[in-house]
Amino acid sequence: MTATSVPAVFEAALERGIAGGLSVLYADASRIHVGGAGYAIVPRAVPAAATATCAGTPLTAPAPPLPLLSGAAAPDLAVIRCPGDGPEAAGCCGNFAYGIAWLRLGLSRALLSTVVAFARDRTVAGGSLLNQQLVKGALADSLAELMTAEATLAGGPPDPAGLPEFHHAVTVVDRSLLRLLGAEGFRRDGPGGVSHLSELLAELYGGTRRAGA
């Protein structure tokens, strides 16, 4: 992944979801970017095409896909395990981790749009849910947090030590937005499933947040 592809990752995730964003990151499908505990979430076509991990560990046979917990939300993705390989060295997957951050931001902006549309179409006490003060306040806060997160990424790859804080902030926004969707926010085949996968990406490639932070 190159710096010029970063906006493409964001736009692909915004318009086509996780599979779209990962397809941009895996334009070169010959190497698998391994995350925490040796796992990776990849487009389904990648396992058969990959010959090595990003660190150069050869893959002697296609890694068998594992069941995806929220498969209904992302049928074009697979979880794979690369035996004997842990998280890639920072110098190897740094750009990929940066791309994952942009991907998650794109998903969050898409979720915000979904919630705004949902609130606009719901009627409460004779008026649109979107006009309720608490809802407007929550949406404004979410937008402000996402704009701050985008400004952080726009300056270039953040310090690896700060990446977990970025992902934590995005996760907090996502969970707040999902609550505004009511029961719809907890469906595995809807926004809730996508957000769950987004959090899994953060766990694999986002580093470890400092205790007590």
C-alpha atoms as a PDB file:
ATOM      1  CA  MET A   1       0.000   0.000   0.000  1.00  0.00           C
ATOM      2  CA  THR A   2       1.322   3.452  -0.884  1.00  0.00           C
ATOM      3  CA  ALA A   3       0.531   6.841   0.581  1.00  0.00           C
ATOM      4  CA  THR A   4      -1.420   7.746  -2.561  1.00  0.00           C
ATOM      5  CA  SER A   5      -3.763   4.778  -2.020  1.00  0.00           C
ATOM      6  CA  VAL A   6      -4.833   5.960   1.428  1.00  0.00           C
ATOM      7  CA  PRO A   7      -7.716   8.170   0.199  1.00  0.00           C
ATOM      8  CA  ALA A   8      -8.794   5.228  -1.979  1.00  0.00           C
ATOM      9  CA  VAL A   9      -8.969   3.001   1.111  1.00  0.00           C
ATOM     10  CA  PHE A  10     -11.154   5.545   2.905  1.00  0.00           C
ATOM     11  CA  GLU A  11     -13.442   6.045  -0.096  1.00  0.00           C
ATOM     12  CA  ALA A  12     -13.725   2.301  -0.762  1.00  0.00           C
ATOM     13  CA  ALA A  13     -14.674   1.601   2.854  1.00  0.00           C
ATOM     14  CA  LEU A  14     -17.135   4.497   2.853  1.00  0.00           C
ATOM     15  CA  GLU A  15     -18.864   3.299  -0.309  1.00  0.00           C
ATOM     16  CA  ARG A  16     -18.304  -0.486  -0.351  1.00  0.00           C
ATOM     17  CA  GLY A  17     -17.638  -1.478   3.260  1.00  0.00           C
ATOM     18  CA  ILE A  18     -14.879  -3.607   4.748  1.00  0.00           C
ATOM     19  CA  ALA A  19     -14.454  -5.833   1.702  1.00  0.00           C
ATOM     20  CA  GLY A  20     -14.018  -2.792  -0.522  1.00  0.00           C
ATOM     21  CA  GLY A  21     -11.402  -1.247   1.757  1.00  0.00           C
ATOM     22  CA  LEU A  22      -9.444  -4.472   2.174  1.00  0.00           C
ATOM     23  CA  SER A  23      -9.474  -5.052  -1.584  1.00  0.00           C
ATOM     24  CA  VAL A  24      -7.563  -1.782  -1.974  1.00  0.00           C
ATOM     25  CA  LEU A  25      -5.077  -2.767   0.731  1.00  0.00           C
ATOM     26  CA  TYR A  26      -4.638  -6.174  -0.889  1.00  0.00           C
ATOM     27  CA  ALA A  27      -4.025  -4.910  -4.419  1.00  0.00           C
ATOM     28  CA  ASP A  28      -0.946  -7.137  -4.111  1.00  0.00           C
ATOM     29  CA  ALA A  29      -2.519 -10.423  -3.002  1.00  0.00           C
ATOM     30  CA  SER A  30       0.756 -12.349  -2.903  1.00  0.00           C
ATOM     31  CA  ARG A  31       1.491 -11.457   0.733  1.00  0.00           C
ATOM     32  CA  ILE A  32      -0.729 -11.702   3.769  1.00  0.00           C
ATOM     33  CA  HIS A  33      -0.496  -9.047   6.480  1.00  0.00           C
ATOM     34  CA  VAL A  34      -0.619 -11.009   9.717  1.00  0.00           C
ATOM     35  CA  GLY A  35      -2.102  -9.410  12.805  1.00  0.00           C
ATOM     36  CA  GLY A  36      -2.318 -10.342  16.465  1.00  0.00           C
ATOM     37  CA  ALA A  37      -1.898 -14.032  17.362  1.00  0.00           C
ATOM     38  CA  GLY A  38      -1.128 -14.839  13.734  1.00  0.00           C
ATOM     39  CA  TYR A  39      -4.611 -14.103  12.378  1.00  0.00           C
ATOM     40  CA  ALA A  40      -5.623 -12.023   9.373  1.00  0.00           C
ATOM     41  CA  ILE A  41      -8.913 -10.849   7.889  1.00  0.00           C
ATOM     42  CA  VAL A  42      -8.619 -10.870   4.109  1.00  0.00           C
ATOM     43  CA  PRO A  43     -10.693 -10.843   0.910  1.00  0.00           C
ATOM     44  CA  ARG A  44     -11.663 -14.427   0.080  1.00  0.00           C
ATOM     45  CA  ALA A  45      -9.479 -14.509  -3.035  1.00  0.00           C
ATOM     46  CA  VAL A  46      -6.276 -13.776  -1.088  1.00  0.00           C
ATOM     47  CA  PRO A  47      -5.557 -17.126   0.662  1.00  0.00           C
ATOM     48  CA  ALA A  48      -5.276 -19.010  -2.621  1.00  0.00           C
ATOM     49  CA  ALA A  49      -3.063 -16.316  -4.201  1.00  0.00           C
ATOM     50  CA  ALA A  50      -0.718 -15.578  -1.301  1.00  0.00           C
ATOM     51  CA  THR A  51       2.742 -17.126  -1.219  1.00  0.00           C
ATOM     52  CA  ALA A  52       4.174 -15.500   1.920  1.00  0.00           C
ATOM     53  CA  THR A  53       3.413 -13.226   4.840  1.00  0.00           C
ATOM     54  CA  CYS A  54       4.498  -9.594   4.774  1.00  0.00           C
ATOM     55  CA  ALA A  55       7.500 -10.539   6.924  1.00  0.00           C
ATOM     56  CA  GLY A  56       8.588 -13.014   4.256  1.00  0.00           C
ATOM     57  CA  THR A  57       7.520 -16.250   5.931  1.00  0.00           C
ATOM     58  CA  PRO A  58       6.683 -18.667   3.083  1.00  0.00           C
ATOM     59  CA  LEU A  59       3.196 -20.130   2.877  1.00  0.00           C
ATOM     60  CA  THR A  60       3.686 -23.667   1.644  1.00  0.00           C
ATOM     61  CA  ALA A  61      -0.046 -24.225   1.153  1.00  0.00           C
ATOM     62  CA  PRO A  62      -3.080 -21.968   0.976  1.00  0.00           C
ATOM     63  CA  ALA A  63      -4.193 -21.104   4.500  1.00  0.00           C
ATOM     64  CA  PRO A  64      -7.689 -22.548   5.064  1.00  0.00           C
ATOM     65  CA  PRO A  65     -10.303 -19.872   5.832  1.00  0.00           C
ATOM     66  CA  LEU A  66     -11.898 -19.977   9.269  1.00  0.00           C
ATOM     67  CA  PRO A  67     -15.549 -19.179   9.966  1.00  0.00           C
ATOM     68  CA  LEU A  68     -16.192 -15.452  10.196  1.00  0.00           C
ATOM     69  CA  LEU A  69     -18.288 -14.534  13.238  1.00  0.00           C
ATOM     70  CA  SER A  70     -20.219 -11.866  11.361  1.00  0.00           C
ATOM     71  CA  GLY A  71     -20.184 -13.517   7.955  1.00  0.00           C
ATOM     72  CA  ALA A  72     -23.569 -12.113   7.021  1.00  0.00           C
ATOM     73  CA  ALA A  73     -22.111  -8.606   7.283  1.00  0.00           C
ATOM     74  CA  ALA A  74     -19.112  -9.413   5.073  1.00  0.00           C
ATOM     75  CA  PRO A  75     -19.639 -12.511   2.917  1.00  0.00           C
ATOM     76  CA  ASP A  76     -16.605 -11.677   0.750  1.00  0.00           C
ATOM     77  CA  LEU A  77     -14.127 -11.894   3.648  1.00  0.00           C
ATOM     78  CA  ALA A  78     -12.307 -14.738   5.363  1.00  0.00           C
ATOM     79  CA  VAL A  79     -10.364 -15.129   8.606  1.00  0.00           C
ATOM     80  CA  ILE A  80      -7.169 -17.122   8.253  1.00  0.00           C
ATOM     81  CA  ARG A  81      -4.497 -18.326  10.650  1.00  0.00           C
ATOM     82  CA  CYS A  82      -0.839 -18.318   9.612  1.00  0.00           C
ATOM     83  CA  PRO A  83       0.813 -20.955  11.861  1.00  0.00           C
ATOM     84  CA  GLY A  84       4.065 -19.929  13.464  1.00  0.00           C
ATOM     85  CA  ASP A  85       3.719 -16.260  12.563  1.00  0.00           C
ATOM     86  CA  GLY A  86       2.788 -13.471  14.928  1.00  0.00           C
ATOM     87  CA  PRO A  87       2.185  -9.764  14.359  1.00  0.00           C
ATOM     88  CA  GLU A  88       4.373  -8.321  11.623  1.00  0.00           C
ATOM     89  CA  ALA A  89       7.284  -6.046  12.475  1.00  0.00           C
ATOM     90  CA  ALA A  90       6.313  -2.376  12.615  1.00  0.00           C
ATOM     91  CA  GLY A  91       8.544  -1.546   9.659  1.00  0.00           C
ATOM     92  CA  CYS A  92       6.820  -4.188   7.556  1.00  0.00           C
ATOM     93  CA  CYS A  93       3.155  -3.571   8.227  1.00  0.00           C
ATOM     94  CA  GLY A  94       3.264   0.074   9.303  1.00  0.00           C
ATOM     95  CA  ASN A  95       1.675   1.316   6.073  1.00  0.00           C
ATOM     96  CA  PHE A  96      -0.885  -1.483   6.216  1.00  0.00           C
ATOM     97  CA  ALA A  97      -1.822  -0.561   9.784  1.00  0.00           C
ATOM     98  CA  TYR A  98      -2.147   3.048   8.648  1.00  0.00           C
ATOM     99  CA  GLY A  99      -4.453   1.890   5.856  1.00  0.00           C
ATOM    100  CA  ILE A 100      -6.555  -0.078   8.366  1.00  0.00           C
ATOM    101  CA  ALA A 101      -6.985   3.116  10.364  1.00  0.00           C
ATOM    102  CA  TRP A 102      -8.308   4.918   7.275  1.00  0.00           C
ATOM    103  CA  LEU A 103     -10.535   1.942   6.489  1.00  0.00           C
ATOM    104  CA  ARG A 104     -12.123   2.049   9.948  1.00  0.00           C
ATOM    105  CA  LEU A 105     -12.629   5.797   9.636  1.00  0.00           C
ATOM    106  CA  GLY A 106     -14.445   5.269   6.329  1.00  0.00           C
ATOM    107  CA  LEU A 107     -16.695   2.656   7.946  1.00  0.00           C
ATOM    108  CA  SER A 108     -17.488   5.043  10.804  1.00  0.00           C
ATOM    109  CA  ARG A 109     -18.405   7.853   8.432  1.00  0.00           C
ATOM    110  CA  ALA A 110     -20.688   5.437   6.591  1.00  0.00           C
ATOM    111  CA  LEU A 111     -22.278   4.435   9.898  1.00  0.00           C
ATOM    112  CA  LEU A 112     -22.847   8.091  10.767  1.00  0.00           C
ATOM    113  CA  SER A 113     -24.669   8.585   7.454  1.00  0.00           C
ATOM    114  CA  THR A 114     -26.774   5.494   8.144  1.00  0.00           C
ATOM    115  CA  VAL A 115     -27.782   6.788  11.572  1.00  0.00           C
ATOM    116  CA  VAL A 116     -28.640  10.244  10.240  1.00  0.00           C
ATOM    117  CA  ALA A 117     -30.890   8.686   7.588  1.00  0.00           C
ATOM    118  CA  PHE A 118     -32.466   6.393  10.193  1.00  0.00           C
ATOM    119  CA  ALA A 119     -33.198   9.287  12.571  1.00  0.00           C
ATOM    120  CA  ARG A 120     -34.575  11.445   9.774  1.00  0.00           C
ATOM    121  CA  ASP A 121     -37.101   8.762   8.819  1.00  0.00           C
ATOM    122  CA  ARG A 122     -38.289   7.996  12.366  1.00  0.00           C
ATOM    123  CA  THR A 123     -41.117   9.977  13.934  1.00  0.00           C
ATOM    124  CA  VAL A 124     -41.281  10.707  17.664  1.00  0.00           C
ATOM    125  CA  ALA A 125     -44.006  12.830  19.266  1.00  0.00           C
ATOM    126  CA  GLY A 126     -45.102  14.057  15.853  1.00  0.00           C
ATOM    127  CA  GLY A 127     -41.645  15.115  14.728  1.00  0.00           C
ATOM    128  CA  SER A 128     -38.502  13.628  13.244  1.00  0.00           C
ATOM    129  CA  LEU A 129     -36.197  11.787  15.634  1.00  0.00           C
ATOM    130  CA  LEU A 130     -33.387  13.770  14.049  1.00  0.00           C
ATOM    131  CA  ASN A 131     -34.803  16.949  15.600  1.00  0.00           C
ATOM    132  CA  GLN A 132     -34.636  15.573  19.144  1.00  0.00           C
ATOM    133  CA  GLN A 133     -32.059  17.567  21.082  1.00  0.00           C
ATOM    134  CA  LEU A 134     -30.302  14.543  22.583  1.00  0.00           C
ATOM    135  CA  VAL A 135     -30.030  12.854  19.199  1.00  0.00           C
ATOM    136  CA  LYS A 136     -28.716  15.994  17.520  1.00  0.00           C
ATOM    137  CA  GLY A 137     -26.176  16.407  20.304  1.00  0.00           C
ATOM    138  CA  ALA A 138     -24.993  12.801  20.036  1.00  0.00           C
ATOM    139  CA  LEU A 139     -24.606  13.066  16.260  1.00  0.00           C
ATOM    140  CA  ALA A 140     -22.740  16.350  16.539  1.00  0.00           C
ATOM    141  CA  ASP A 141     -20.366  14.853  19.099  1.00  0.00           C
ATOM    142  CA  SER A 142     -19.761  11.820  16.877  1.00  0.00           C
ATOM    143  CA  LEU A 143     -19.024  13.994  13.849  1.00  0.00           C
ATOM    144  CA  ALA A 144     -16.599  16.104  15.874  1.00  0.00           C
ATOM    145  CA  GLU A 145     -14.748  13.006  17.080  1.00  0.00           C
ATOM    146  CA  LEU A 146     -14.501  11.601  13.558  1.00  0.00           C
ATOM    147  CA  MET A 147     -13.236  14.915  12.191  1.00  0.00           C
ATOM    148  CA  THR A 148     -10.564  14.941  14.890  1.00  0.00           C
ATOM    149  CA  ALA A 149      -9.609  11.374  14.008  1.00  0.00           C
ATOM    150  CA  GLU A 150      -9.415  12.262  10.323  1.00  0.00           C
ATOM    151  CA  ALA A 151      -7.166  15.241  11.086  1.00  0.00           C
ATOM    152  CA  THR A 152      -4.881  12.896  13.017  1.00  0.00           C
ATOM    153  CA  LEU A 153      -4.494  10.579  10.016  1.00  0.00           C
ATOM    154  CA  ALA A 154      -4.269  13.360   7.432  1.00  0.00           C
ATOM    155  CA  GLY A 155      -0.953  14.440   8.912  1.00  0.00           C
ATOM    156  CA  GLY A 156       0.603  11.093   7.989  1.00  0.00           C
ATOM    157  CA  PRO A 157       0.985   7.802   9.868  1.00  0.00           C
ATOM    158  CA  PRO A 158       0.635   8.488  13.601  1.00  0.00           C
ATOM    159  CA  ASP A 159       3.202   7.321  16.091  1.00  0.00           C
ATOM    160  CA  PRO A 160       2.605   3.559  16.571  1.00  0.00           C
ATOM    161  CA  ALA A 161       2.168   4.233  20.284  1.00  0.00           C
ATOM    162  CA  GLY A 162      -0.758   6.533  19.485  1.00  0.00           C
ATOM    163  CA  LEU A 163      -2.531   4.169  17.106  1.00  0.00           C
ATOM    164  CA  PRO A 164      -4.378   2.271  19.868  1.00  0.00           C
ATOM    165  CA  GLU A 165      -5.828   5.571  21.121  1.00  0.00           C
ATOM    166  CA  PHE A 166      -7.056   6.379  17.620  1.00  0.00           C
ATOM    167  CA  HIS A 167      -8.801   3.010  17.347  1.00  0.00           C
ATOM    168  CA  HIS A 168     -10.300   3.353  20.818  1.00  0.00           C
ATOM    169  CA  ALA A 169     -11.791   6.727  19.878  1.00  0.00           C
ATOM    170  CA  VAL A 170     -13.314   5.290  16.682  1.00  0.00           C
ATOM    171  CA  THR A 171     -14.753   2.333  18.584  1.00  0.00           C
ATOM    172  CA  VAL A 172     -16.365   4.634  21.159  1.00  0.00           C
ATOM    173  CA  VAL A 173     -17.990   6.645  18.353  1.00  0.00           C
ATOM    174  CA  ASP A 174     -19.238   3.507  16.604  1.00  0.00           C
ATOM    175  CA  ARG A 175     -20.807   2.102  19.747  1.00  0.00           C
ATOM    176  CA  SER A 176     -22.488   5.421  20.504  1.00  0.00           C
ATOM    177  CA  LEU A 177     -23.937   5.565  16.976  1.00  0.00           C
ATOM    178  CA  LEU A 178     -25.165   1.973  17.117  1.00  0.00           C
ATOM    179  CA  ARG A 179     -27.177   2.754  20.235  1.00  0.00           C
ATOM    180  CA  LEU A 180     -29.075   5.408  18.280  1.00  0.00           C
ATOM    181  CA  LEU A 181     -30.241   2.688  15.881  1.00  0.00           C
ATOM    182  CA  GLY A 182     -31.992   0.777  18.662  1.00  0.00           C
ATOM    183  CA  ALA A 183     -32.410  -2.934  17.924  1.00  0.00           C
ATOM    184  CA  GLU A 184     -31.184  -2.400  14.344  1.00  0.00           C
ATOM    185  CA  GLY A 185     -27.762  -1.578  15.740  1.00  0.00           C
ATOM    186  CA  PHE A 186     -27.325  -5.067  17.151  1.00  0.00           C
ATOM    187  CA  ARG A 187     -28.143  -7.075  14.016  1.00  0.00           C
ATOM    188  CA  ARG A 188     -25.231  -9.227  12.826  1.00  0.00           C
ATOM    189  CA  ASP A 189     -26.342  -8.784   9.230  1.00  0.00           C
ATOM    190  CA  GLY A 190     -26.437  -4.999   9.520  1.00  0.00           C
ATOM    191  CA  PRO A 191     -24.424  -2.084  10.926  1.00  0.00           C
ATOM    192  CA  GLY A 192     -23.753  -3.957  14.168  1.00  0.00           C
ATOM    193  CA  GLY A 193     -22.032  -6.798  12.327  1.00  0.00           C
ATOM    194  CA  VAL A 194     -19.899  -4.405  10.290  1.00  0.00           C
ATOM    195  CA  SER A 195     -18.848  -2.522  13.420  1.00  0.00           C
ATOM    196  CA  HIS A 196     -17.970  -5.790  15.113  1.00  0.00           C
ATOM    197  CA  LEU A 197     -15.642  -6.678  12.249  1.00  0.00           C
ATOM    198  CA  SER A 198     -14.206  -3.174  12.358  1.00  0.00           C
ATOM    199  CA  GLU A 199     -13.310  -3.715  16.002  1.00  0.00           C
ATOM    200  CA  LEU A 200     -11.695  -7.043  15.127  1.00  0.00           C
ATOM    201  CA  LEU A 201      -9.481  -5.245  12.612  1.00  0.00           C
ATOM    202  CA  ALA A 202      -8.446  -2.838  15.362  1.00  0.00           C
ATOM    203  CA  GLU A 203      -7.566  -5.736  17.644  1.00  0.00           C
ATOM    204  CA  LEU A 204      -5.446  -7.367  14.940  1.00  0.00           C
ATOM    205  CA  TYR A 205      -3.631  -4.311  13.573  1.00  0.00           C
ATOM    206  CA  GLY A 206      -4.208  -1.471  16.033  1.00  0.00           C
ATOM    207  CA  GLY A 207      -1.747  -2.330  18.765  1.00  0.00           C
ATOM    208  CA  THR A 208      -2.420  -2.519  22.500  1.00  0.00           C
ATOM    209  CA  ARG A 209      -3.982   0.392  24.341  1.00  0.00           C
ATOM    210  CA  ARG A 210      -2.200   1.513  27.488  1.00  0.00           C
ATOM    211  CA  ALA A 211      -3.674   0.182  30.722  1.00  0.00           C
ATOM    212  CA  GLY A 212      -5.854   2.777  32.444  1.00  0.00           C
ATOM    213  CA  ALA A 213      -6.023   4.978  29.355  1.00  0.00           C
END
